């Protein structure tokens, strides 16, 4: 029986190089995931997002159960507050829809899904933005809302917003 040749230096070097490449790829993926989380958290922490979420809550609080219908009627009349709320709706909708899109394309690693959906503003997205979207377009893209609900369901108690005395304004 013939004994196999001991591994040559070049084959050991190739094994070491492959291990180094694998480690570098994992490090690059970790850095990319961290940058993604930080980008979303920075955007969520911005003054613009703060004002947008407050605008949406204030509109909801002032207009009660018919807040979406009242908004559409006022929007059709180019009411300044309804136009501001519309801009807030769009920005908040695009922010959270981007998370759903990243998830749907498989670009969100499992370990960071919770970090990308751990925003209290999601409850405003579900309880205020979605009814506004539905009022504006009955055929709105429900899939993004459903994706986010699967990732982070609405939290009990956060769908009823406490009244706030907030002046609706542009950020």
N, C-alpha and C. Protein backbone atom coordinates (compact mmCIF):
# COMPACT_ATOMS: atom_id res chain seq x y z
N UNK A 1 0.83 -1.17 0.00
CA UNK A 1 0.00 0.00 0.00
C UNK A 1 0.89 1.24 0.00
N UNK A 2 0.54 2.10 -0.90
CA UNK A 2 1.35 3.29 -1.04
C UNK A 2 0.82 4.38 -0.12
N UNK A 3 1.72 5.05 0.52
CA UNK A 3 1.33 6.16 1.41
C UNK A 3 1.16 7.42 0.57
N UNK A 4 0.13 8.19 0.85
CA UNK A 4 -0.02 9.44 0.11
C UNK A 4 1.11 10.39 0.46
N UNK A 5 1.41 11.24 -0.48
CA UNK A 5 2.46 12.22 -0.25
C UNK A 5 2.02 13.21 0.81
N UNK A 6 2.93 13.65 1.62
CA UNK A 6 2.56 14.68 2.60
C UNK A 6 2.17 15.96 1.85
N UNK A 7 1.30 16.76 2.46
CA UNK A 7 0.88 17.99 1.78
C UNK A 7 2.09 18.87 1.49
N UNK A 8 2.07 19.42 0.31
CA UNK A 8 3.17 20.31 -0.06
C UNK A 8 2.92 21.69 0.54
N UNK A 9 3.97 22.48 0.53
CA UNK A 9 3.83 23.84 1.04
C UNK A 9 2.83 24.64 0.24
N UNK A 10 2.83 24.44 -1.06
CA UNK A 10 1.91 25.22 -1.90
C UNK A 10 0.46 24.85 -1.62
N UNK A 11 0.17 23.57 -1.37
CA UNK A 11 -1.21 23.21 -1.06
C UNK A 11 -1.62 23.75 0.31
N UNK A 12 -0.72 23.77 1.28
CA UNK A 12 -1.02 24.35 2.59
C UNK A 12 -1.23 25.85 2.46
N UNK A 13 -0.45 26.49 1.64
CA UNK A 13 -0.61 27.93 1.41
C UNK A 13 -1.96 28.23 0.79
N UNK A 14 -2.38 27.37 -0.14
CA UNK A 14 -3.69 27.56 -0.78
C UNK A 14 -4.81 27.40 0.25
N UNK A 15 -4.69 26.43 1.13
CA UNK A 15 -5.69 26.23 2.19
C UNK A 15 -5.73 27.45 3.11
N UNK A 16 -4.56 27.94 3.48
CA UNK A 16 -4.50 29.13 4.34
C UNK A 16 -5.09 30.35 3.64
N UNK A 17 -4.81 30.50 2.36
CA UNK A 17 -5.34 31.64 1.60
C UNK A 17 -6.86 31.56 1.51
N UNK A 18 -7.39 30.38 1.31
CA UNK A 18 -8.85 30.20 1.25
C UNK A 18 -9.48 30.55 2.59
N UNK A 19 -8.87 30.13 3.68
CA UNK A 19 -9.40 30.45 5.01
C UNK A 19 -9.36 31.96 5.26
N UNK A 20 -8.28 32.59 4.85
CA UNK A 20 -8.16 34.04 5.01
C UNK A 20 -9.21 34.76 4.18
N UNK A 21 -9.44 34.32 2.94
CA UNK A 21 -10.46 34.91 2.07
C UNK A 21 -11.85 34.75 2.67
N UNK A 22 -12.12 33.56 3.23
CA UNK A 22 -13.42 33.31 3.87
C UNK A 22 -13.61 34.26 5.05
N UNK A 23 -12.60 34.42 5.88
CA UNK A 23 -12.68 35.32 7.03
C UNK A 23 -12.86 36.77 6.59
N UNK A 24 -12.16 37.16 5.54
CA UNK A 24 -12.28 38.53 5.02
C UNK A 24 -13.68 38.78 4.48
N UNK A 25 -14.25 37.79 3.80
CA UNK A 25 -15.62 37.93 3.28
C UNK A 25 -16.62 38.06 4.41
N UNK A 26 -16.45 37.28 5.46
CA UNK A 26 -17.36 37.38 6.61
C UNK A 26 -17.22 38.74 7.28
N UNK A 27 -16.01 39.22 7.43
CA UNK A 27 -15.79 40.53 8.03
C UNK A 27 -16.44 41.62 7.18
N UNK A 28 -16.28 41.53 5.86
CA UNK A 28 -16.89 42.53 4.97
C UNK A 28 -18.41 42.48 5.08
N UNK A 29 -18.98 41.29 5.17
CA UNK A 29 -20.44 41.16 5.31
C UNK A 29 -20.90 41.74 6.64
N UNK A 30 -20.15 41.51 7.71
CA UNK A 30 -20.49 42.06 9.03
C UNK A 30 -20.44 43.58 9.01
N UNK A 31 -19.42 44.14 8.36
CA UNK A 31 -19.28 45.60 8.27
C UNK A 31 -20.45 46.17 7.46
N UNK A 32 -20.81 45.51 6.36
CA UNK A 32 -21.93 45.98 5.54
C UNK A 32 -23.24 45.94 6.33
N UNK A 33 -23.46 44.88 7.11
CA UNK A 33 -24.67 44.78 7.93
C UNK A 33 -24.70 45.87 8.99
N UNK A 34 -23.56 46.12 9.62
CA UNK A 34 -23.48 47.17 10.64
C UNK A 34 -23.76 48.54 10.02
N UNK A 35 -23.21 48.79 8.85
CA UNK A 35 -23.46 50.07 8.17
C UNK A 35 -24.93 50.23 7.81
N UNK A 36 -25.56 49.14 7.38
CA UNK A 36 -26.98 49.18 7.05
C UNK A 36 -27.82 49.53 8.27
N UNK A 37 -27.53 48.85 9.38
CA UNK A 37 -28.26 49.14 10.63
C UNK A 37 -28.06 50.60 11.03
N UNK A 38 -26.82 51.07 11.01
CA UNK A 38 -26.53 52.44 11.42
C UNK A 38 -27.20 53.46 10.50
N UNK A 39 -27.25 53.18 9.22
CA UNK A 39 -27.91 54.09 8.28
C UNK A 39 -29.39 54.23 8.62
N UNK A 40 -30.05 53.11 8.84
CA UNK A 40 -31.47 53.15 9.17
C UNK A 40 -31.70 53.81 10.54
N UNK A 41 -30.87 53.50 11.50
CA UNK A 41 -31.04 54.09 12.84
C UNK A 41 -30.79 55.60 12.81
N UNK A 42 -29.79 56.03 12.05
CA UNK A 42 -29.52 57.47 11.92
C UNK A 42 -30.69 58.19 11.25
N UNK A 43 -31.22 57.58 10.22
CA UNK A 43 -32.36 58.20 9.53
C UNK A 43 -33.58 58.24 10.45
N UNK A 44 -33.80 57.17 11.20
CA UNK A 44 -34.94 57.14 12.11
C UNK A 44 -34.77 58.18 13.22
N UNK A 45 -33.55 58.40 13.67
CA UNK A 45 -33.28 59.34 14.75
C UNK A 45 -33.24 60.79 14.28
N UNK A 46 -33.41 61.03 13.00
CA UNK A 46 -33.33 62.40 12.47
C UNK A 46 -34.50 63.24 12.94
N UNK A 47 -34.29 64.53 12.94
CA UNK A 47 -35.36 65.47 13.28
C UNK A 47 -36.51 65.34 12.28
N UNK A 48 -36.18 65.10 11.01
CA UNK A 48 -37.22 64.97 9.99
C UNK A 48 -38.17 63.82 10.31
N UNK A 49 -37.63 62.67 10.70
CA UNK A 49 -38.48 61.53 11.03
C UNK A 49 -39.29 61.83 12.30
N UNK A 50 -38.66 62.48 13.27
CA UNK A 50 -39.37 62.86 14.50
C UNK A 50 -40.59 63.71 14.15
N UNK A 51 -40.39 64.73 13.34
CA UNK A 51 -41.48 65.63 12.96
C UNK A 51 -42.53 64.88 12.14
N UNK A 52 -42.08 64.05 11.20
CA UNK A 52 -43.04 63.29 10.37
C UNK A 52 -43.93 62.39 11.21
N UNK A 53 -43.34 61.66 12.14
CA UNK A 53 -44.16 60.77 12.99
C UNK A 53 -45.11 61.57 13.87
N UNK A 54 -44.64 62.70 14.39
CA UNK A 54 -45.51 63.55 15.20
C UNK A 54 -46.65 64.13 14.36
N UNK A 55 -46.35 64.54 13.13
CA UNK A 55 -47.40 65.06 12.24
C UNK A 55 -48.49 64.02 12.01
N UNK A 56 -48.07 62.79 11.76
CA UNK A 56 -49.03 61.72 11.50
C UNK A 56 -49.87 61.42 12.74
N UNK A 57 -49.22 61.35 13.89
CA UNK A 57 -49.96 61.12 15.14
C UNK A 57 -50.93 62.26 15.43
N UNK A 58 -50.48 63.49 15.21
CA UNK A 58 -51.33 64.65 15.47
C UNK A 58 -52.54 64.66 14.55
N UNK A 59 -52.33 64.37 13.27
CA UNK A 59 -53.46 64.33 12.34
C UNK A 59 -54.46 63.27 12.78
N UNK A 60 -53.96 62.10 13.12
CA UNK A 60 -54.81 61.02 13.59
C UNK A 60 -55.57 61.44 14.84
N UNK A 61 -54.87 62.05 15.79
CA UNK A 61 -55.50 62.45 17.04
C UNK A 61 -56.56 63.54 16.86
N UNK A 62 -56.33 64.46 15.98
CA UNK A 62 -57.28 65.56 15.75
C UNK A 62 -58.52 65.14 14.99
N UNK A 63 -58.39 64.13 14.16
CA UNK A 63 -59.48 63.81 13.24
C UNK A 63 -60.19 62.50 13.55
N UNK A 64 -59.82 61.85 14.62
CA UNK A 64 -60.54 60.67 15.09
C UNK A 64 -60.65 59.55 14.08
N UNK A 65 -61.75 58.81 14.17
CA UNK A 65 -61.93 57.62 13.35
C UNK A 65 -61.97 57.90 11.86
N UNK A 66 -62.31 59.10 11.48
CA UNK A 66 -62.40 59.45 10.05
C UNK A 66 -61.16 60.19 9.58
N UNK A 67 -60.02 60.00 10.27
CA UNK A 67 -58.82 60.76 9.94
C UNK A 67 -58.38 60.57 8.49
N UNK A 68 -58.52 59.35 7.96
CA UNK A 68 -58.06 59.08 6.60
C UNK A 68 -58.99 59.74 5.57
N UNK A 69 -60.29 59.65 5.79
CA UNK A 69 -61.24 60.26 4.86
C UNK A 69 -61.11 61.78 4.89
N UNK A 70 -60.96 62.33 6.09
CA UNK A 70 -60.80 63.79 6.24
C UNK A 70 -59.53 64.24 5.53
N UNK A 71 -58.47 63.48 5.67
CA UNK A 71 -57.20 63.82 5.02
C UNK A 71 -57.36 63.85 3.49
N UNK A 72 -57.99 62.83 2.94
CA UNK A 72 -58.16 62.78 1.49
C UNK A 72 -58.98 63.97 1.00
N UNK A 73 -60.07 64.27 1.71
CA UNK A 73 -60.90 65.41 1.31
C UNK A 73 -60.10 66.72 1.38
N UNK A 74 -59.35 66.90 2.44
CA UNK A 74 -58.55 68.11 2.59
C UNK A 74 -57.40 68.15 1.58
N UNK A 75 -56.84 67.00 1.28
CA UNK A 75 -55.77 66.92 0.30
C UNK A 75 -56.28 67.35 -1.07
N UNK A 76 -57.47 66.92 -1.42
CA UNK A 76 -58.07 67.30 -2.71
C UNK A 76 -58.30 68.80 -2.81
N UNK A 77 -58.42 69.46 -1.65
CA UNK A 77 -58.62 70.92 -1.63
C UNK A 77 -57.30 71.67 -1.42
N UNK A 78 -56.18 70.94 -1.48
CA UNK A 78 -54.84 71.53 -1.28
C UNK A 78 -54.69 72.22 0.07
N UNK A 79 -55.32 71.66 1.07
CA UNK A 79 -55.19 72.17 2.43
C UNK A 79 -53.72 72.06 2.86
N UNK A 80 -53.12 73.15 3.38
CA UNK A 80 -51.70 73.11 3.74
C UNK A 80 -51.33 72.01 4.74
N UNK A 81 -52.15 71.79 5.77
CA UNK A 81 -51.83 70.73 6.74
C UNK A 81 -51.94 69.35 6.10
N UNK A 82 -52.95 69.14 5.27
CA UNK A 82 -53.10 67.84 4.60
C UNK A 82 -51.91 67.59 3.66
N UNK A 83 -51.40 68.63 3.03
CA UNK A 83 -50.23 68.48 2.16
C UNK A 83 -48.98 68.13 2.97
N UNK A 84 -48.84 68.74 4.14
CA UNK A 84 -47.71 68.40 5.02
C UNK A 84 -47.82 66.95 5.49
N UNK A 85 -49.02 66.55 5.89
CA UNK A 85 -49.24 65.17 6.32
C UNK A 85 -48.95 64.21 5.17
N UNK A 86 -49.30 64.60 3.95
CA UNK A 86 -49.00 63.76 2.80
C UNK A 86 -47.50 63.57 2.63
N UNK A 87 -46.72 64.63 2.77
CA UNK A 87 -45.26 64.51 2.66
C UNK A 87 -44.71 63.63 3.79
N UNK A 88 -45.27 63.80 4.99
CA UNK A 88 -44.85 62.94 6.12
C UNK A 88 -45.19 61.48 5.85
N UNK A 89 -46.38 61.26 5.34
CA UNK A 89 -46.80 59.89 4.99
C UNK A 89 -45.84 59.26 4.00
N UNK A 90 -45.48 60.02 2.97
CA UNK A 90 -44.58 59.49 1.95
C UNK A 90 -43.21 59.13 2.52
N UNK A 91 -42.64 60.04 3.32
CA UNK A 91 -41.30 59.76 3.86
C UNK A 91 -41.31 58.56 4.80
N UNK A 92 -42.30 58.50 5.69
CA UNK A 92 -42.38 57.37 6.62
C UNK A 92 -42.65 56.07 5.85
N UNK A 93 -43.52 56.14 4.87
CA UNK A 93 -43.83 54.96 4.06
C UNK A 93 -42.58 54.46 3.33
N UNK A 94 -41.83 55.36 2.73
CA UNK A 94 -40.62 54.95 2.01
C UNK A 94 -39.56 54.38 2.96
N UNK A 95 -39.44 54.96 4.13
CA UNK A 95 -38.46 54.46 5.10
C UNK A 95 -38.75 53.00 5.43
N UNK A 96 -39.98 52.71 5.87
CA UNK A 96 -40.30 51.35 6.28
C UNK A 96 -40.43 50.41 5.09
N UNK A 97 -40.90 50.90 3.95
CA UNK A 97 -40.98 50.05 2.76
C UNK A 97 -39.61 49.60 2.30
N UNK A 98 -38.60 50.43 2.50
CA UNK A 98 -37.23 50.04 2.14
C UNK A 98 -36.78 48.82 2.94
N UNK A 99 -37.16 48.76 4.20
CA UNK A 99 -36.82 47.60 5.03
C UNK A 99 -37.52 46.35 4.48
N UNK A 100 -38.79 46.48 4.12
CA UNK A 100 -39.52 45.35 3.55
C UNK A 100 -38.88 44.91 2.23
N UNK A 101 -38.49 45.87 1.40
CA UNK A 101 -37.86 45.54 0.12
C UNK A 101 -36.55 44.80 0.32
N UNK A 102 -35.73 45.27 1.26
CA UNK A 102 -34.46 44.59 1.55
C UNK A 102 -34.72 43.16 2.02
N UNK A 103 -35.72 43.00 2.86
CA UNK A 103 -36.06 41.66 3.34
C UNK A 103 -36.52 40.77 2.18
N UNK A 104 -37.42 41.31 1.35
CA UNK A 104 -37.98 40.51 0.26
C UNK A 104 -36.93 40.08 -0.77
N UNK A 105 -35.87 40.86 -0.91
CA UNK A 105 -34.82 40.49 -1.86
C UNK A 105 -33.74 39.63 -1.21
N UNK A 106 -33.90 39.32 0.07
CA UNK A 106 -32.96 38.45 0.76
C UNK A 106 -31.68 39.15 1.18
N UNK A 107 -31.69 40.48 1.21
CA UNK A 107 -30.49 41.23 1.55
C UNK A 107 -30.36 41.56 3.04
N UNK A 108 -31.32 41.09 3.84
CA UNK A 108 -31.25 41.33 5.28
C UNK A 108 -30.89 40.03 5.98
N UNK A 109 -29.67 39.94 6.51
CA UNK A 109 -29.29 38.72 7.24
C UNK A 109 -30.22 38.50 8.43
N UNK A 110 -30.47 37.26 8.72
CA UNK A 110 -31.41 36.89 9.79
C UNK A 110 -31.08 37.59 11.12
N UNK A 111 -29.80 37.69 11.46
CA UNK A 111 -29.42 38.25 12.76
C UNK A 111 -29.70 39.74 12.88
N UNK A 112 -29.96 40.45 11.76
CA UNK A 112 -30.23 41.88 11.90
C UNK A 112 -31.69 42.26 11.61
N UNK A 113 -32.52 41.28 11.27
CA UNK A 113 -33.93 41.59 10.99
C UNK A 113 -34.60 42.28 12.17
N UNK A 114 -34.35 41.79 13.37
CA UNK A 114 -34.97 42.40 14.55
C UNK A 114 -34.48 43.83 14.74
N UNK A 115 -33.20 44.06 14.50
CA UNK A 115 -32.66 45.40 14.67
C UNK A 115 -33.24 46.38 13.66
N UNK A 116 -33.58 45.91 12.46
CA UNK A 116 -34.14 46.79 11.44
C UNK A 116 -35.64 47.00 11.60
N UNK A 117 -36.25 46.27 12.49
CA UNK A 117 -37.69 46.43 12.69
C UNK A 117 -38.04 46.84 14.13
N UNK A 118 -37.04 47.20 14.89
CA UNK A 118 -37.27 47.58 16.28
C UNK A 118 -37.46 49.09 16.40
N UNK A 119 -38.48 49.58 15.71
CA UNK A 119 -38.79 51.01 15.72
C UNK A 119 -40.24 51.17 16.17
N UNK A 120 -40.48 52.01 17.18
CA UNK A 120 -41.85 52.27 17.62
C UNK A 120 -42.68 52.90 16.50
N UNK A 121 -42.03 53.60 15.59
CA UNK A 121 -42.73 54.23 14.47
C UNK A 121 -43.45 53.24 13.57
N UNK A 122 -43.09 51.95 13.66
CA UNK A 122 -43.81 50.96 12.88
C UNK A 122 -45.29 50.93 13.25
N UNK A 123 -45.60 51.20 14.51
CA UNK A 123 -47.00 51.20 14.91
C UNK A 123 -47.76 52.38 14.29
N UNK A 124 -47.08 53.51 14.10
CA UNK A 124 -47.69 54.64 13.38
C UNK A 124 -47.83 54.24 11.90
N UNK A 125 -46.86 53.55 11.38
CA UNK A 125 -46.92 53.07 10.00
C UNK A 125 -48.14 52.18 9.81
N UNK A 126 -48.38 51.25 10.73
CA UNK A 126 -49.52 50.34 10.61
C UNK A 126 -50.86 51.06 10.83
N UNK A 127 -50.93 51.88 11.87
CA UNK A 127 -52.24 52.41 12.29
C UNK A 127 -52.60 53.76 11.66
N UNK A 128 -51.62 54.48 11.10
CA UNK A 128 -51.92 55.77 10.49
C UNK A 128 -51.56 55.77 9.00
N UNK A 129 -50.33 55.38 8.69
CA UNK A 129 -49.89 55.44 7.28
C UNK A 129 -50.70 54.48 6.42
N UNK A 130 -50.90 53.26 6.87
CA UNK A 130 -51.63 52.30 6.03
C UNK A 130 -53.04 52.77 5.71
N UNK A 131 -53.82 53.26 6.68
CA UNK A 131 -55.15 53.78 6.32
C UNK A 131 -55.09 54.97 5.35
N UNK A 132 -54.07 55.81 5.48
CA UNK A 132 -53.92 56.93 4.53
C UNK A 132 -53.61 56.38 3.13
N UNK A 133 -52.72 55.39 3.06
CA UNK A 133 -52.40 54.77 1.77
C UNK A 133 -53.65 54.16 1.14
N UNK A 134 -54.42 53.45 1.94
CA UNK A 134 -55.65 52.80 1.47
C UNK A 134 -56.66 53.83 0.98
N UNK A 135 -56.73 54.95 1.68
CA UNK A 135 -57.66 56.02 1.30
C UNK A 135 -57.23 56.68 0.00
N UNK A 136 -55.94 56.84 -0.18
CA UNK A 136 -55.41 57.47 -1.38
C UNK A 136 -55.52 56.54 -2.59
N UNK A 137 -55.30 55.24 -2.34
CA UNK A 137 -55.31 54.26 -3.42
C UNK A 137 -55.79 52.93 -2.87
N UNK A 138 -57.07 52.59 -3.10
CA UNK A 138 -57.58 51.31 -2.58
C UNK A 138 -56.79 50.09 -3.05
N UNK A 139 -56.04 50.21 -4.14
CA UNK A 139 -55.22 49.11 -4.62
C UNK A 139 -53.76 49.23 -4.17
N UNK A 140 -53.53 49.92 -3.04
CA UNK A 140 -52.16 50.15 -2.55
C UNK A 140 -51.43 48.82 -2.34
N UNK A 141 -50.12 48.91 -2.23
CA UNK A 141 -49.26 47.71 -2.09
C UNK A 141 -49.32 47.18 -0.66
N UNK A 142 -50.25 46.27 -0.43
CA UNK A 142 -50.43 45.68 0.91
C UNK A 142 -49.26 44.79 1.31
N UNK A 143 -48.56 44.25 0.32
CA UNK A 143 -47.51 43.27 0.59
C UNK A 143 -46.43 43.82 1.52
N UNK A 144 -46.06 45.08 1.36
CA UNK A 144 -45.02 45.65 2.22
C UNK A 144 -45.48 45.71 3.67
N UNK A 145 -46.73 46.08 3.88
CA UNK A 145 -47.26 46.12 5.24
C UNK A 145 -47.31 44.71 5.83
N UNK A 146 -47.72 43.74 5.02
CA UNK A 146 -47.79 42.35 5.49
C UNK A 146 -46.40 41.82 5.82
N UNK A 147 -45.42 42.13 4.98
CA UNK A 147 -44.04 41.70 5.24
C UNK A 147 -43.57 42.24 6.58
N UNK A 148 -43.78 43.52 6.80
CA UNK A 148 -43.32 44.12 8.06
C UNK A 148 -44.09 43.58 9.26
N UNK A 149 -45.38 43.30 9.09
CA UNK A 149 -46.15 42.72 10.19
C UNK A 149 -45.63 41.33 10.55
N UNK A 150 -45.17 40.58 9.55
CA UNK A 150 -44.58 39.26 9.84
C UNK A 150 -43.26 39.42 10.59
N UNK A 151 -42.49 40.44 10.21
CA UNK A 151 -41.19 40.66 10.86
C UNK A 151 -41.36 41.23 12.26
N UNK A 152 -42.33 42.14 12.41
CA UNK A 152 -42.58 42.77 13.72
C UNK A 152 -44.04 43.16 13.80
N UNK A 153 -44.84 42.31 14.43
CA UNK A 153 -46.28 42.60 14.54
C UNK A 153 -46.51 43.89 15.34
N UNK A 154 -47.69 44.50 15.16
CA UNK A 154 -48.02 45.68 15.96
C UNK A 154 -47.95 45.33 17.44
N UNK A 155 -47.49 46.29 18.21
CA UNK A 155 -47.39 46.08 19.66
C UNK A 155 -48.69 46.51 20.32
N UNK A 156 -49.13 45.70 21.24
CA UNK A 156 -50.37 46.01 21.97
C UNK A 156 -50.22 47.36 22.67
N UNK A 157 -51.24 48.17 22.56
CA UNK A 157 -51.23 49.45 23.25
C UNK A 157 -50.62 50.58 22.46
N UNK A 158 -49.87 50.28 21.41
CA UNK A 158 -49.25 51.35 20.65
C UNK A 158 -50.04 51.72 19.40
N UNK A 159 -51.16 51.05 19.17
CA UNK A 159 -51.96 51.41 18.01
C UNK A 159 -52.94 52.52 18.36
N UNK A 160 -53.18 52.76 19.63
CA UNK A 160 -53.98 53.90 20.07
C UNK A 160 -53.02 54.95 20.57
N UNK A 161 -52.93 56.05 19.83
CA UNK A 161 -51.94 57.06 20.14
C UNK A 161 -52.51 58.09 21.12
N UNK A 162 -51.73 58.39 22.13
CA UNK A 162 -52.15 59.41 23.10
C UNK A 162 -52.25 60.74 22.38
N UNK A 163 -53.25 61.53 22.73
CA UNK A 163 -53.38 62.83 22.08
C UNK A 163 -52.17 63.71 22.38
N UNK A 164 -51.74 64.42 21.36
CA UNK A 164 -50.62 65.33 21.55
C UNK A 164 -51.02 66.69 21.01
N UNK A 165 -50.54 67.71 21.65
CA UNK A 165 -50.81 69.07 21.21
C UNK A 165 -49.62 69.48 20.33
N UNK A 166 -49.70 69.16 19.07
CA UNK A 166 -48.58 69.31 18.14
C UNK A 166 -49.05 70.13 16.96
N UNK A 167 -48.26 71.10 16.59
CA UNK A 167 -48.53 71.90 15.41
C UNK A 167 -47.98 71.13 14.21
N UNK A 168 -48.82 70.79 13.28
CA UNK A 168 -48.37 70.08 12.09
C UNK A 168 -47.54 71.03 11.26
N UNK A 169 -46.30 70.58 10.96
CA UNK A 169 -45.37 71.46 10.26
C UNK A 169 -44.40 70.64 9.42
N UNK A 170 -43.77 71.30 8.47
CA UNK A 170 -42.72 70.65 7.70
C UNK A 170 -41.48 70.52 8.57
N UNK A 171 -40.75 69.43 8.39
CA UNK A 171 -39.51 69.27 9.18
C UNK A 171 -38.46 70.30 8.80
